C-alpha atoms as a PDB file:
ATOM      1  CA  MET A   1       0.103   0.027  -0.100  1.00  0.00           C
ATOM      2  CA  ALA A   2       2.762   2.405   1.001  1.00  0.00           C
ATOM      3  CA  SER A   3       4.490   1.808  -2.423  1.00  0.00           C
ATOM      4  CA  SER A   4       1.503   2.513  -4.371  1.00  0.00           C
ATOM      5  CA  VAL A   5       0.933   5.695  -2.461  1.00  0.00           C
ATOM      6  CA  SER A   6       4.724   6.515  -3.176  1.00  0.00           C
ATOM      7  CA  SER A   7       4.562   5.508  -6.755  1.00  0.00           C
ATOM      8  CA  SER A   8       1.285   7.824  -7.135  1.00  0.00           C
ATOM      9  CA  HIS A   9       2.847  10.623  -5.668  1.00  0.00           C
ATOM     10  CA  SER A  10       5.908  10.606  -7.756  1.00  0.00           C
ATOM     11  CA  SER A  11       3.661  10.032 -10.854  1.00  0.00           C
ATOM     12  CA  ALA A  12       1.796  13.281  -9.925  1.00  0.00           C
ATOM     13  CA  PHE A  13       4.991  15.143  -9.359  1.00  0.00           C
ATOM     14  CA  LEU A  14       6.652  14.150 -12.583  1.00  0.00           C
ATOM     15  CA  ALA A  15       3.667  15.412 -14.453  1.00  0.00           C
ATOM     16  CA  MET A  16       4.685  18.984 -13.516  1.00  0.00           C
ATOM     17  CA  PRO A  17       6.955  20.837 -16.006  1.00  0.00           C
ATOM     18  CA  LEU A  18      10.897  19.828 -15.473  1.00  0.00           C
ATOM     19  CA  GLU A  19      11.594  23.653 -14.795  1.00  0.00           C
ATOM     20  CA  ILE A  20       9.187  23.795 -11.613  1.00  0.00           C
ATOM     21  CA  ARG A  21      10.387  20.364 -10.715  1.00  0.00           C
ATOM     22  CA  ARG A  22      14.037  21.703 -10.533  1.00  0.00           C
ATOM     23  CA  GLN A  23      12.968  24.907  -8.434  1.00  0.00           C
ATOM     24  CA  ILE A  24      11.377  22.524  -5.889  1.00  0.00           C
ATOM     25  CA  TYR A  25      14.468  20.438  -5.872  1.00  0.00           C
ATOM     26  CA  ARG A  26      16.675  23.390  -5.000  1.00  0.00           C
ATOM     27  CA  TYR A  27      14.567  24.128  -1.909  1.00  0.00           C
ATOM     28  CA  CYS A  28      15.525  20.545  -0.669  1.00  0.00           C
ATOM     29  CA  ILE A  29      19.017  20.199  -1.359  1.00  0.00           C
ATOM     30  CA  LEU A  30      22.261  22.049  -0.424  1.00  0.00           C
ATOM     31  CA  GLN A  31      22.823  25.143  -2.379  1.00  0.00           C
ATOM     32  CA  LYS A  32      26.165  25.741  -4.053  1.00  0.00           C
ATOM     33  CA  PRO A  33      28.638  23.261  -2.055  1.00  0.00           C
ATOM     34  CA  LEU A  34      32.168  23.204  -1.918  1.00  0.00           C
ATOM     35  CA  ILE A  35      33.240  19.698  -1.508  1.00  0.00           C
ATOM     36  CA  ASP A  36      36.702  18.464  -0.673  1.00  0.00           C
ATOM     37  CA  VAL A  37      37.103  15.257  -2.454  1.00  0.00           C
ATOM     38  CA  SER A  38      40.303  14.079  -0.399  1.00  0.00           C
ATOM     39  CA  SER A  39      38.342  14.429   3.044  1.00  0.00           C
ATOM     40  CA  GLY A  40      34.854  14.018   2.539  1.00  0.00           C
ATOM     41  CA  VAL A  41      33.954  17.317   3.652  1.00  0.00           C
ATOM     42  CA  CYS A  42      31.286  19.400   2.238  1.00  0.00           C
ATOM     43  CA  ARG A  43      30.878  23.226   3.045  1.00  0.00           C
ATOM     44  CA  LYS A  44      27.572  25.224   2.511  1.00  0.00           C
ATOM     45  CA  ASN A  45      28.096  28.564   1.457  1.00  0.00           C
ATOM     46  CA  ARG A  46      25.417  31.044   0.320  1.00  0.00           C
ATOM     47  CA  PHE A  47      27.688  32.517  -2.668  1.00  0.00           C
ATOM     48  CA  ASP A  48      28.550  30.871  -5.810  1.00  0.00           C
ATOM     49  CA  TRP A  49      32.382  31.517  -6.201  1.00  0.00           C
ATOM     50  CA  SER A  50      32.104  31.207 -10.161  1.00  0.00           C
ATOM     51  CA  GLU A  51      29.336  33.668 -10.215  1.00  0.00           C
ATOM     52  CA  GLU A  52      31.567  36.073  -8.357  1.00  0.00           C
ATOM     53  CA  LEU A  53      34.692  36.105 -10.358  1.00  0.00           C
ATOM     54  CA  ASN A  54      34.032  39.184 -12.390  1.00  0.00           C
ATOM     55  CA  GLU A  55      33.669  40.754  -8.968  1.00  0.00           C
ATOM     56  CA  HIS A  56      36.717  42.641  -7.841  1.00  0.00           C
ATOM     57  CA  HIS A  57      35.807  43.341  -4.304  1.00  0.00           C
ATOM     58  CA  HIS A  58      35.568  41.403  -1.089  1.00  0.00           C
ATOM     59  CA  GLN A  59      32.355  40.620   0.682  1.00  0.00           C
ATOM     60  CA  ASP A  60      31.804  38.603   3.856  1.00  0.00           C
ATOM     61  CA  SER A  61      30.808  34.827   3.681  1.00  0.00           C
ATOM     62  CA  GLU A  62      28.625  33.033   5.698  1.00  0.00           C
ATOM     63  CA  GLU A  63      29.961  30.352   7.810  1.00  0.00           C
ATOM     64  CA  PHE A  64      27.418  27.210   8.228  1.00  0.00           C
ATOM     65  CA  GLY A  65      30.065  24.703   9.454  1.00  0.00           C
ATOM     66  CA  ASP A  66      31.143  21.268   7.870  1.00  0.00           C
ATOM     67  CA  ILE A  67      29.020  18.567   7.152  1.00  0.00           C
ATOM     68  CA  PRO A  68      30.109  15.070   6.154  1.00  0.00           C
ATOM     69  CA  PHE A  69      28.802  13.687   2.796  1.00  0.00           C
ATOM     70  CA  ILE A  70      28.336  10.158   1.841  1.00  0.00           C
ATOM     71  CA  GLU A  71      28.411   8.015  -1.375  1.00  0.00           C
ATOM     72  CA  ILE A  72      25.251   5.886  -2.328  1.00  0.00           C
ATOM     73  CA  GLU A  73      26.114   2.917  -4.262  1.00  0.00           C
ATOM     74  CA  GLN A  74      23.381   0.552  -5.564  1.00  0.00           C
ATOM     75  CA  ASP A  75      24.443  -2.602  -7.179  1.00  0.00           C
ATOM     76  CA  GLU A  76      23.063  -3.417 -10.523  1.00  0.00           C
ATOM     77  CA  GLU A  77      21.012  -6.585  -9.179  1.00  0.00           C
ATOM     78  CA  SER A  78      19.473  -4.773  -6.098  1.00  0.00           C
ATOM     79  CA  GLU A  79      15.639  -3.767  -6.558  1.00  0.00           C
ATOM     80  CA  SER A  80      13.469  -2.458  -3.953  1.00  0.00           C
ATOM     81  CA  GLU A  81       9.888  -1.327  -4.093  1.00  0.00           C
ATOM     82  CA  THR A  82      10.585   2.111  -2.695  1.00  0.00           C
ATOM     83  CA  SER A  83      13.909   2.816  -4.531  1.00  0.00           C
ATOM     84  CA  ALA A  84      15.109   2.849  -8.139  1.00  0.00           C
ATOM     85  CA  ASP A  85      17.842   0.777  -9.294  1.00  0.00           C
ATOM     86  CA  CYS A  86      20.544   3.221 -10.405  1.00  0.00           C
ATOM     87  CA  GLY A  87      23.135   0.491 -11.428  1.00  0.00           C
ATOM     88  CA  ASN A  88      26.905   1.551 -10.270  1.00  0.00           C
ATOM     89  CA  ASN A  89      26.050   4.979  -9.979  1.00  0.00           C
ATOM     90  CA  ARG A  90      27.573   6.557  -6.966  1.00  0.00           C
ATOM     91  CA  ILE A  91      25.654   9.638  -5.731  1.00  0.00           C
ATOM     92  CA  MET A  92      27.383  12.184  -3.408  1.00  0.00           C
ATOM     93  CA  TYR A  93      25.085  14.102  -1.200  1.00  0.00           C
ATOM     94  CA  GLU A  94      24.791  15.833   2.428  1.00  0.00           C
ATOM     95  CA  LEU A  95      24.051  13.539   5.090  1.00  0.00           C
ATOM     96  CA  TYR A  96      21.083  15.096   6.882  1.00  0.00           C
ATOM     97  CA  PRO A  97      18.800  14.070   9.583  1.00  0.00           C
ATOM     98  CA  SER A  98      15.467  13.485   8.180  1.00  0.00           C
ATOM     99  CA  SER A  99      13.975  16.233  10.274  1.00  0.00           C
ATOM    100  CA  ARG A 100      16.468  18.859   8.689  1.00  0.00           C
ATOM    101  CA  SER A 101      16.338  17.743   4.753  1.00  0.00           C
ATOM    102  CA  ALA A 102      14.138  16.319   2.671  1.00  0.00           C
ATOM    103  CA  PHE A 103      17.121  15.203   0.278  1.00  0.00           C
ATOM    104  CA  PRO A 104      17.886  11.611   1.459  1.00  0.00           C
ATOM    105  CA  SER A 105      13.989  11.082   0.551  1.00  0.00           C
ATOM    106  CA  LEU A 106      14.198  12.537  -2.790  1.00  0.00           C
ATOM    107  CA  LEU A 107      16.763  10.046  -3.720  1.00  0.00           C
ATOM    108  CA  LEU A 108      14.545   7.001  -2.881  1.00  0.00           C
ATOM    109  CA  CYS A 109      11.375   8.133  -5.053  1.00  0.00           C
ATOM    110  CA  CYS A 110      12.343   6.905  -8.474  1.00  0.00           C
ATOM    111  CA  ARG A 111      15.362   6.868 -10.910  1.00  0.00           C
ATOM    112  CA  GLN A 112      14.015   9.854 -12.873  1.00  0.00           C
ATOM    113  CA  ILE A 113      13.833  12.004  -9.798  1.00  0.00           C
ATOM    114  CA  THR A 114      17.290  10.830  -8.602  1.00  0.00           C
ATOM    115  CA  GLU A 115      18.827  11.740 -11.974  1.00  0.00           C
ATOM    116  CA  GLU A 116      17.068  14.945 -11.976  1.00  0.00           C
ATOM    117  CA  VAL A 117      18.204  16.068  -8.373  1.00  0.00           C
ATOM    118  CA  THR A 118      21.936  14.647  -8.895  1.00  0.00           C
ATOM    119  CA  ASP A 119      22.180  16.661 -12.073  1.00  0.00           C
ATOM    120  CA  ILE A 120      21.288  19.846 -10.272  1.00  0.00           C
ATOM    121  CA  LEU A 121      23.722  19.042  -7.522  1.00  0.00           C
ATOM    122  CA  TYR A 122      26.809  18.489  -9.612  1.00  0.00           C
ATOM    123  CA  ASP A 123      25.863  21.564 -11.639  1.00  0.00           C
ATOM    124  CA  ASP A 124      25.930  23.530  -8.546  1.00  0.00           C
ATOM    125  CA  ALA A 125      28.704  21.711  -6.679  1.00  0.00           C
ATOM    126  CA  THR A 126      32.432  22.652  -6.844  1.00  0.00           C
ATOM    127  CA  MET A 127      34.988  19.873  -6.274  1.00  0.00           C
ATOM    128  CA  LEU A 128      37.993  20.654  -4.255  1.00  0.00           C
ATOM    129  CA  VAL A 129      40.911  18.389  -5.392  1.00  0.00           C
ATOM    130  CA  GLY A 130      44.565  18.094  -4.061  1.00  0.00           C
ATOM    131  CA  LEU A 131      46.870  16.737  -6.597  1.00  0.00           C
ATOM    132  CA  HIS A 132      49.546  16.424  -3.669  1.00  0.00           C
ATOM    133  CA  SER A 133      46.948  14.340  -1.724  1.00  0.00           C
ATOM    134  CA  ILE A 134      44.631  11.420  -2.513  1.00  0.00           C
ATOM    135  CA  GLY A 135      42.204  13.599  -4.508  1.00  0.00           C
ATOM    136  CA  GLN A 136      42.869  11.313  -7.902  1.00  0.00           C
ATOM    137  CA  THR A 137      42.437   8.140  -5.815  1.00  0.00           C
ATOM    138  CA  LYS A 138      39.139   9.134  -4.584  1.00  0.00           C
ATOM    139  CA  LEU A 139      37.785  10.535  -8.075  1.00  0.00           C
ATOM    140  CA  ALA A 140      38.830   7.041  -9.518  1.00  0.00           C
ATOM    141  CA  LYS A 141      36.463   5.500  -7.266  1.00  0.00           C
ATOM    142  CA  LEU A 142      33.628   7.663  -8.687  1.00  0.00           C
ATOM    143  CA  PRO A 143      33.396   6.896 -12.662  1.00  0.00           C
ATOM    144  CA  LYS A 144      29.756   7.975 -13.090  1.00  0.00           C
ATOM    145  CA  ALA A 145      30.002  11.108 -10.875  1.00  0.00           C
ATOM    146  CA  ARG A 146      33.078  12.049 -12.617  1.00  0.00           C
ATOM    147  CA  GLU A 147      31.492  12.934 -15.794  1.00  0.00           C
ATOM    148  CA  LYS A 148      28.643  15.479 -14.096  1.00  0.00           C
ATOM    149  CA  ILE A 149      31.152  17.434 -12.303  1.00  0.00           C
ATOM    150  CA  ARG A 150      31.196  21.080 -13.592  1.00  0.00           C
ATOM    151  CA  LYS A 151      33.168  23.104 -11.284  1.00  0.00           C
ATOM    152  CA  MET A 152      36.459  22.264  -9.924  1.00  0.00           C
ATOM    153  CA  ILE A 153      39.540  23.590  -7.745  1.00  0.00           C
ATOM    154  CA  LEU A 154      42.769  21.854  -8.276  1.00  0.00           C
ATOM    155  CA  ILE A 155      45.564  22.441  -5.668  1.00  0.00           C
ATOM    156  CA  LEU A 156      49.146  21.802  -6.712  1.00  0.00           C
ATOM    157  CA  ARG A 157      51.758  21.830  -3.729  1.00  0.00           C
ATOM    158  CA  PRO A 158      55.175  20.962  -3.527  1.00  0.00           C
ATOM    159  CA  THR A 159      54.934  18.364  -1.003  1.00  0.00           C
ATOM    160  CA  PRO A 160      56.635  14.903  -0.832  1.00  0.00           C
ATOM    161  CA  ALA A 161      53.681  13.062  -2.252  1.00  0.00           C
ATOM    162  CA  PHE A 162      53.377  15.604  -5.250  1.00  0.00           C
ATOM    163  CA  TYR A 163      56.943  14.672  -6.334  1.00  0.00           C
ATOM    164  CA  ASN A 164      56.314  10.854  -6.379  1.00  0.00           C
ATOM    165  CA  PRO A 165      57.613   9.742  -9.550  1.00  0.00           C
ATOM    166  CA  ASN A 166      54.979   7.147 -10.027  1.00  0.00           C
ATOM    167  CA  PHE A 167      52.209   9.960  -9.836  1.00  0.00           C
ATOM    168  CA  GLN A 168      50.584  11.210 -13.112  1.00  0.00           C
ATOM    169  CA  MET A 169      47.217  12.531 -14.112  1.00  0.00           C
ATOM    170  CA  ASP A 170      45.393   9.371 -15.169  1.00  0.00           C
ATOM    171  CA  PRO A 171      43.813  10.258 -18.705  1.00  0.00           C
ATOM    172  CA  ILE A 172      41.116   7.373 -17.508  1.00  0.00           C
ATOM    173  CA  ILE A 173      39.924   9.682 -14.628  1.00  0.00           C
ATOM    174  CA  TRP A 174      40.739  13.068 -16.043  1.00  0.00           C
ATOM    175  CA  ASN A 175      39.634  13.332 -19.703  1.00  0.00           C
ATOM    176  CA  SER A 176      35.901  12.826 -18.676  1.00  0.00           C
ATOM    177  CA  ILE A 177      36.424  15.593 -16.191  1.00  0.00           C
ATOM    178  CA  LEU A 178      38.350  18.334 -17.768  1.00  0.00           C
ATOM    179  CA  GLY A 179      36.377  17.747 -21.159  1.00  0.00           C
ATOM    180  CA  ASN A 180      33.265  18.735 -19.465  1.00  0.00           C
ATOM    181  CA  LEU A 181      34.185  21.421 -16.790  1.00  0.00           C
ATOM    182  CA  SER A 182      32.666  25.111 -17.421  1.00  0.00           C
ATOM    183  CA  ILE A 183      35.199  26.540 -14.836  1.00  0.00           C
ATOM    184  CA  LEU A 184      38.479  25.591 -13.573  1.00  0.00           C
ATOM    185  CA  GLY A 185      40.348  27.017 -10.429  1.00  0.00           C
ATOM    186  CA  ILE A 186      43.903  26.639  -9.982  1.00  0.00           C
ATOM    187  CA  ILE A 187      45.955  27.157  -6.848  1.00  0.00           C
ATOM    188  CA  ALA A 188      49.590  26.496  -7.556  1.00  0.00           C
ATOM    189  CA  GLU A 189      52.238  26.988  -4.626  1.00  0.00           C
ATOM    190  CA  GLN A 190      55.746  27.676  -5.907  1.00  0.00           C
ATOM    191  CA  PRO A 191      58.286  26.829  -3.434  1.00  0.00           C
ATOM    192  CA  SER A 192      59.059  29.970  -1.365  1.00  0.00           C
ATOM    193  CA  LYS A 193      62.030  31.234   0.902  1.00  0.00           C
ATOM    194  CA  THR A 194      59.698  30.772   3.981  1.00  0.00           C
ATOM    195  CA  GLU A 195      59.709  26.940   3.147  1.00  0.00           C
ATOM    196  CA  SER A 196      63.017  26.346   1.774  1.00  0.00           C
ATOM    197  CA  PRO A 197      66.805  27.240   2.769  1.00  0.00           C
ATOM    198  CA  GLU A 198      68.003  30.181   0.728  1.00  0.00           C
ATOM    199  CA  GLU A 199      70.769  28.046  -0.790  1.00  0.00           C
ATOM    200  CA  GLU A 200      68.018  25.289  -1.643  1.00  0.00           C
ATOM    201  CA  LEU A 201      65.273  27.510  -2.991  1.00  0.00           C
ATOM    202  CA  GLU A 202      66.564  27.876  -6.716  1.00  0.00           C
ATOM    203  CA  ASN A 203      66.885  24.055  -6.953  1.00  0.00           C
ATOM    204  CA  ASP A 204      63.459  23.643  -5.479  1.00  0.00           C
ATOM    205  CA  ILE A 205      62.060  26.004  -7.748  1.00  0.00           C
ATOM    206  CA  GLU A 206      63.590  24.165 -10.822  1.00  0.00           C
ATOM    207  CA  LYS A 207      62.261  20.954  -9.678  1.00  0.00           C
ATOM    208  CA  TRP A 208      58.876  22.288  -9.156  1.00  0.00           C
ATOM    209  CA  ILE A 209      58.707  23.758 -12.575  1.00  0.00           C
ATOM    210  CA  THR A 210      60.106  20.438 -14.062  1.00  0.00           C
ATOM    211  CA  ARG A 211      57.034  18.535 -12.060  1.00  0.00           C
ATOM    212  CA  ILE A 212      54.259  20.850 -13.069  1.00  0.00           C
ATOM    213  CA  THR A 213      55.061  21.558 -16.539  1.00  0.00           C
ATOM    214  CA  PRO A 214      53.612  18.479 -17.996  1.00  0.00           C
ATOM    215  CA  ILE A 215      50.710  18.497 -15.393  1.00  0.00           C
ATOM    216  CA  CYS A 216      49.858  21.804 -16.854  1.00  0.00           C
ATOM    217  CA  ASP A 217      50.406  20.817 -20.332  1.00  0.00           C
ATOM    218  CA  TYR A 218      48.061  17.982 -19.898  1.00  0.00           C
ATOM    219  CA  ILE A 219      45.450  20.177 -18.427  1.00  0.00           C
ATOM    220  CA  GLY A 220      45.766  22.874 -21.272  1.00  0.00           C
ATOM    221  CA  GLN A 221      45.266  19.754 -23.745  1.00  0.00           C
ATOM    222  CA  SER A 222      42.366  18.318 -22.033  1.00  0.00           C
ATOM    223  CA  LEU A 223      40.427  21.140 -20.774  1.00  0.00           C
ATOM    224  CA  SER A 224      37.033  21.854 -22.481  1.00  0.00           C
ATOM    225  CA  ARG A 225      37.704  25.092 -25.088  1.00  0.00           C
ATOM    226  CA  GLU A 226      34.524  26.671 -23.164  1.00  0.00           C
ATOM    227  CA  ALA A 227      35.806  26.469 -19.657  1.00  0.00           C
ATOM    228  CA  GLU A 228      36.836  29.574 -17.871  1.00  0.00           C
ATOM    229  CA  VAL A 229      40.424  29.254 -15.876  1.00  0.00           C
ATOM    230  CA  VAL A 230      41.002  31.287 -12.863  1.00  0.00           C
ATOM    231  CA  VAL A 231      44.717  30.723 -11.247  1.00  0.00           C
ATOM    232  CA  ASP A 232      46.304  31.880  -7.902  1.00  0.00           C
ATOM    233  CA  ALA A 233      50.063  31.454  -8.291  1.00  0.00           C
ATOM    234  CA  ASN A 234      50.485  33.913  -5.706  1.00  0.00           C
ATOM    235  CA  ASP A 235      52.564  36.486  -8.703  1.00  0.00           C
ATOM    236  CA  GLU A 236      55.108  33.875  -8.822  1.00  0.00           C
ATOM    237  CA  GLU A 237      56.773  34.788 -12.411  1.00  0.00           C
ATOM    238  CA  LYS A 238      58.054  31.349 -13.289  1.00  0.00           C
ATOM    239  CA  THR A 239      54.857  29.235 -12.204  1.00  0.00           C
ATOM    240  CA  VAL A 240      52.796  32.128 -13.977  1.00  0.00           C
ATOM    241  CA  LYS A 241      54.767  31.467 -17.308  1.00  0.00           C
ATOM    242  CA  VAL A 242      54.396  27.866 -17.026  1.00  0.00           C
ATOM    243  CA  LEU A 243      50.573  28.151 -16.850  1.00  0.00           C
ATOM    244  CA  GLU A 244      50.297  30.822 -19.556  1.00  0.00           C
ATOM    245  CA  LYS A 245      52.300  28.552 -22.028  1.00  0.00           C
ATOM    246  CA  ALA A 246      50.119  25.567 -21.042  1.00  0.00           C
ATOM    247  CA  ILE A 247      46.928  27.401 -21.280  1.00  0.00           C
ATOM    248  CA  PRO A 248      47.496  30.343 -23.536  1.00  0.00           C
ATOM    249  CA  GLY A 249      45.231  33.144 -23.544  1.00  0.00           C
ATOM    250  CA  ARG A 250      42.935  31.393 -21.138  1.00  0.00           C
ATOM    251  CA  CYS A 251      44.371  32.090 -17.429  1.00  0.00           C
ATOM    252  CA  ARG A 252      42.905  34.832 -15.288  1.00  0.00           C
ATOM    253  CA  PHE A 253      45.130  35.645 -12.505  1.00  0.00           C
ATOM    254  CA  GLN A 254      43.930  36.867  -9.305  1.00  0.00           C
ATOM    255  CA  ASN A 255      44.153  35.914  -5.605  1.00  0.00           C
ATOM    256  CA  PHE A 256      41.867  33.585  -3.928  1.00  0.00           C
ATOM    257  CA  SER A 257      40.853  34.433  -0.400  1.00  0.00           C
ATOM    258  CA  MET A 258      40.886  30.875   0.237  1.00  0.00           C
ATOM    259  CA  ALA A 259      44.296  30.297  -0.810  1.00  0.00           C
ATOM    260  CA  ASP A 260      45.935  33.236   1.759  1.00  0.00           C
ATOM    261  CA  VAL A 261      46.589  30.478   4.374  1.00  0.00           C
ATOM    262  CA  ILE A 262      48.538  28.566   1.805  1.00  0.00           C
ATOM    263  CA  PHE A 263      50.699  31.559   0.585  1.00  0.00           C
ATOM    264  CA  ARG A 264      50.564  33.070   4.171  1.00  0.00           C
ATOM    265  CA  ARG A 265      49.050  36.283   2.922  1.00  0.00           C
ATOM    266  CA  GLY A 266      46.811  38.733   4.761  1.00  0.00           C
ATOM    267  CA  ARG A 267      45.965  37.923   8.101  1.00  0.00           C
ATOM    268  CA  TYR A 268      48.036  34.648   7.568  1.00  0.00           C
ATOM    269  CA  SER A 269      51.200  36.735   7.038  1.00  0.00           C
ATOM    270  CA  LEU A 270      54.356  36.203   8.749  1.00  0.00           C
ATOM    271  CA  GLU A 271      53.970  39.854  10.119  1.00  0.00           C
ATOM    272  CA  SER A 272      50.270  39.432  11.098  1.00  0.00           C
ATOM    273  CA  LEU A 273      49.400  38.625  14.707  1.00  0.00           C
ATOM    274  CA  ASP A 274      46.904  35.952  13.665  1.00  0.00           C
ATOM    275  CA  TRP A 275      49.633  33.942  12.236  1.00  0.00           C
ATOM    276  CA  ASP A 276      50.100  32.385  15.935  1.00  0.00           C
ATOM    277  CA  ASP A 277      46.717  30.971  15.836  1.00  0.00           C
ATOM    278  CA  VAL A 278      47.457  29.006  12.809  1.00  0.00           C
ATOM    279  CA  ASP A 279      49.192  25.418  12.669  1.00  0.00           C
ATOM    280  CA  ASP A 280      52.274  25.518  11.294  1.00  0.00           C
ATOM    281  CA  GLY A 281      52.095  21.962   9.703  1.00  0.00           C
ATOM    282  CA  PRO A 282      51.326  21.074   5.978  1.00  0.00           C
ATOM    283  CA  THR A 283      48.023  22.451   4.814  1.00  0.00           C
ATOM    284  CA  SER A 284      45.558  20.209   3.407  1.00  0.00           C
ATOM    285  CA  CYS A 285      42.143  20.857   1.466  1.00  0.00           C
ATOM    286  CA  ARG A 286      40.456  20.217   4.927  1.00  0.00           C
ATOM    287  CA  ASP A 287      42.550  23.065   6.620  1.00  0.00           C
ATOM    288  CA  ILE A 288      41.733  25.358   4.061  1.00  0.00           C
ATOM    289  CA  ILE A 289      37.902  24.899   4.150  1.00  0.00           C
ATOM    290  CA  ASN A 290      37.748  24.972   7.874  1.00  0.00           C
ATOM    291  CA  ASP A 291      39.127  28.719   7.772  1.00  0.00           C
ATOM    292  CA  CYS A 292      36.624  30.601   9.754  1.00  0.00           C
ATOM    293  CA  ASP A 293      36.883  33.456   7.337  1.00  0.00           C
ATOM    294  CA  PHE A 294      36.489  31.373   4.321  1.00  0.00           C
ATOM    295  CA  ASP A 295      34.833  32.774   1.011  1.00  0.00           C
ATOM    296  CA  LEU A 296      34.219  31.513  -2.382  1.00  0.00           C
ATOM    297  CA  TYR A 297      35.161  34.643  -4.179  1.00  0.00           C
ATOM    298  CA  TYR A 298      38.605  34.026  -5.461  1.00  0.00           C
ATOM    299  CA  SER A 299      39.302  37.679  -5.185  1.00  0.00           C
ATOM    300  CA  ASP A 300      40.882  40.144  -2.918  1.00  0.00           C
END
């Protein structure tokens, strides 16, 4: 009986025009989330960084706290009277108590509603991926989801993991992502004198340039021609030149507020009193999005 009621409700809902259904979905799901693929942390924010790239002024953002997201996988053979068989499609979504959100229930209505909801989620979401961490490994486990990603921030940092000679951007993973992006943000941290002894800095920079050049070349070759590219390289000339050569005429360089903690700028600068409150250890994607003054504007 419950199944037939659920089915009749779904049929009535699907009789509405798609545009109206999409508006209803947006009231039920997280708006414009930033998802750190490496750690599984999702940040709610009331602003869309991609829509604010043309704004060259700083505005305050609202902190909502970090909420974990999970992946749902339904095997091809699984069947249920209350949920559609989604094959191997993995769906990333916010984990809310049922009293707070209708989102989990939406995913259990039927296949068509599930597909429509996840399309909206991926259109709005920005994926944060650190190539110096396990971001690529996580993406490898999401074959269906990769094709839906439209906004991404790549973080390149000179860590030991990043210099692993066995690491490369796997075309099987990245071709379907880069070819479908509408906007790509890149944070590239060239080695600096604050991290490297002066006598080693020049060699460290050359090692960095050698490492990022093939990565940037691959990104430039695989990226959608329609995608917008916005880069924060902290005005480091050598890194800027590599990116300009790899993605000619497409890179827009500006400071991302979220990258201040990486580059030790602004209130994170060595001259700032606030720096004493910041952990001096390695910075991960999780460290960035836990910043209490986080904003998604990617501008000064």
